[in-house]
Amino acid sequence: MPTKILVIDDDPATTDLISLLLKTRGFGVMAANSGEDGIKLFDANPFDIIVLDLMMPGMDGWDVCRKIRGHSQIPVLILSALDNPANVASALDAGADDYLVKPVASGMLIAHINNLTRRADMNGKSGTTNNLKARRE
């Protein structure tokens, strides 16, 4: 079964590009173009990892991350144009597991996704399992 990834970014061109890249590498991908829609998809579907932008209108990436951390330990990878140590620290404090700066080489994105899912599996924190458990509670 392929790794299931939720991509949340307010720019449709970005979600389309990332989705295409990940699908060609064998990942299962769903995308949302707002924090609110991302939370709805997360609540309705099992995922193994979330790739999340920070700067979004309405519910931003920090809010999304905190909301997800309220009931799941699914790995969250921030993919943001913000290249400021304070923003990185803030995202990690909100519960993110990793942080990459846009633009990122496709190989680097894939390597970070594989690393996070491998660590989650080793620690028994598969996102799919946690998400399903959270929905039952």
Protein backbone atom coordinates (compact mmCIF):
# COMPACT_ATOMS: atom_id res chain seq x y z
CA MET A 1 0.00 0.00 0.00
CA PRO A 2 1.49 3.38 -0.97
CA THR A 3 2.29 6.04 1.59
CA LYS A 4 -0.68 8.43 1.77
CA ILE A 5 0.22 12.11 1.81
CA LEU A 6 -1.95 15.17 2.44
CA VAL A 7 -0.57 18.34 0.83
CA ILE A 8 -1.96 21.62 2.19
CA ASP A 9 -0.99 24.87 0.44
CA ASP A 10 -3.10 27.85 -0.58
CA ASP A 11 -1.47 28.00 -4.03
CA PRO A 12 -3.18 25.53 -6.40
CA ALA A 13 -0.15 25.53 -8.72
CA THR A 14 2.01 24.40 -5.81
CA THR A 15 -0.35 21.63 -4.70
CA ASP A 16 -0.68 20.46 -8.32
CA LEU A 17 3.09 20.37 -8.79
CA ILE A 18 3.81 18.60 -5.50
CA SER A 19 0.95 16.15 -6.08
CA LEU A 20 2.23 15.29 -9.55
CA LEU A 21 5.78 14.82 -8.28
CA LEU A 22 4.67 12.58 -5.42
CA LYS A 23 2.25 10.53 -7.52
CA THR A 24 4.98 9.80 -10.09
CA ARG A 25 7.05 8.44 -7.19
CA GLY A 26 4.27 6.06 -6.15
CA PHE A 27 2.74 7.99 -3.27
CA GLY A 28 -1.00 8.35 -2.76
CA VAL A 29 -1.78 12.08 -2.60
CA MET A 30 -4.71 14.31 -1.74
CA ALA A 31 -4.46 18.10 -1.69
CA ALA A 32 -6.23 21.02 -0.08
CA ASN A 33 -5.88 24.72 -0.85
CA SER A 34 -6.79 26.06 2.58
CA GLY A 35 -6.13 25.14 6.18
CA GLU A 36 -9.82 24.56 6.77
CA ASP A 37 -10.15 22.20 3.80
CA GLY A 38 -6.96 20.42 4.87
CA ILE A 39 -8.40 19.73 8.33
CA LYS A 40 -11.61 18.40 6.74
CA LEU A 41 -9.63 16.02 4.51
CA PHE A 42 -7.47 14.96 7.45
CA ASP A 43 -10.52 14.19 9.57
CA ALA A 44 -12.19 12.20 6.78
CA ASN A 45 -9.22 10.17 5.43
CA PRO A 46 -6.26 8.19 6.73
CA PHE A 47 -2.86 9.70 5.91
CA ASP A 48 0.73 8.79 6.73
CA ILE A 49 2.22 12.28 6.49
CA ILE A 50 1.20 15.90 5.93
CA VAL A 51 3.13 18.39 3.80
CA LEU A 52 2.03 21.82 4.99
CA ASP A 53 2.59 25.43 3.97
CA LEU A 54 2.67 28.08 6.70
CA MET A 55 1.48 31.26 4.99
CA MET A 56 -2.19 30.75 4.16
CA PRO A 57 -5.17 33.07 4.60
CA GLY A 58 -7.66 32.10 7.28
CA MET A 59 -6.30 29.12 9.16
CA ASP A 60 -2.54 29.31 8.63
CA GLY A 61 -0.07 26.44 8.82
CA TRP A 62 0.74 27.03 12.47
CA ASP A 63 -2.97 26.74 13.36
CA VAL A 64 -3.36 23.62 11.23
CA CYS A 65 -0.35 22.01 12.86
CA ARG A 66 -1.57 22.76 16.39
CA LYS A 67 -5.04 21.44 15.56
CA ILE A 68 -3.62 18.19 14.17
CA ARG A 69 -1.31 17.81 17.17
CA GLY A 70 -4.39 18.04 19.39
CA HIS A 71 -5.28 14.46 18.47
CA SER A 72 -2.63 12.87 16.24
CA GLN A 73 1.10 12.24 16.05
CA ILE A 74 1.12 11.99 12.24
CA PRO A 75 4.38 13.40 10.84
CA VAL A 76 4.05 16.99 9.65
CA LEU A 77 6.58 18.38 7.17
CA ILE A 78 6.50 22.14 6.73
CA LEU A 79 7.27 23.31 3.20
CA SER A 80 7.44 27.09 3.28
CA ALA A 81 9.04 30.04 1.52
CA LEU A 82 9.81 31.50 4.97
CA ASP A 83 13.53 31.09 5.55
CA ASN A 84 13.81 32.70 8.96
CA PRO A 85 15.09 30.82 12.03
CA ALA A 86 12.31 32.30 14.17
CA ASN A 87 9.66 30.93 11.80
CA VAL A 88 11.33 27.52 11.74
CA ALA A 89 11.42 27.45 15.54
CA SER A 90 7.81 28.60 15.73
CA ALA A 91 6.67 25.84 13.36
CA LEU A 92 8.58 23.20 15.31
CA ASP A 93 7.10 24.53 18.56
CA ALA A 94 3.62 24.21 16.99
CA GLY A 95 4.33 20.50 16.50
CA ALA A 96 5.95 20.17 13.08
CA ASP A 97 8.44 17.35 12.68
CA ASP A 98 10.54 18.79 9.87
CA TYR A 99 10.96 22.00 7.86
CA LEU A 100 12.05 22.60 4.28
CA VAL A 101 12.33 25.91 2.44
CA LYS A 102 10.76 26.45 -0.99
CA PRO A 103 11.91 25.96 -3.60
CA VAL A 104 13.20 22.51 -2.69
CA ALA A 105 14.78 19.92 -4.93
CA SER A 106 12.40 17.04 -5.57
CA GLY A 107 14.95 14.48 -4.34
CA MET A 108 15.32 16.37 -1.05
CA LEU A 109 11.54 16.49 -0.54
CA ILE A 110 11.22 12.75 -1.22
CA ALA A 111 14.13 11.97 1.13
CA HIS A 112 12.56 13.95 3.98
CA ILE A 113 9.17 12.32 3.42
CA ASN A 114 10.75 8.86 3.42
CA ASN A 115 12.71 9.69 6.56
CA LEU A 116 9.66 10.90 8.47
CA THR A 117 7.49 7.95 7.48
CA ARG A 118 10.29 5.49 8.30
CA ARG A 119 10.74 7.03 11.77
CA ALA A 120 6.99 7.04 12.38
CA ASP A 121 6.77 3.36 11.43
CA MET A 122 9.72 2.47 13.68
CA ASN A 123 8.12 4.29 16.61
CA GLY A 124 4.73 2.73 16.02
CA LYS A 125 3.31 6.14 15.13
CA SER A 126 1.99 5.44 11.67
CA GLY A 127 -0.13 8.38 10.63
CA THR A 128 -2.80 6.14 9.16
CA THR A 129 -3.16 4.24 12.42
CA ASN A 130 -3.18 7.38 14.56
CA ASN A 131 -5.62 9.20 12.30
CA LEU A 132 -8.06 6.27 12.34
CA LYS A 133 -7.69 5.95 16.11
CA ALA A 134 -8.31 9.67 16.56
CA ARG A 135 -11.46 9.48 14.45
CA ARG A 136 -12.84 6.62 16.57
CA GLU A 137 -12.34 8.52 19.84
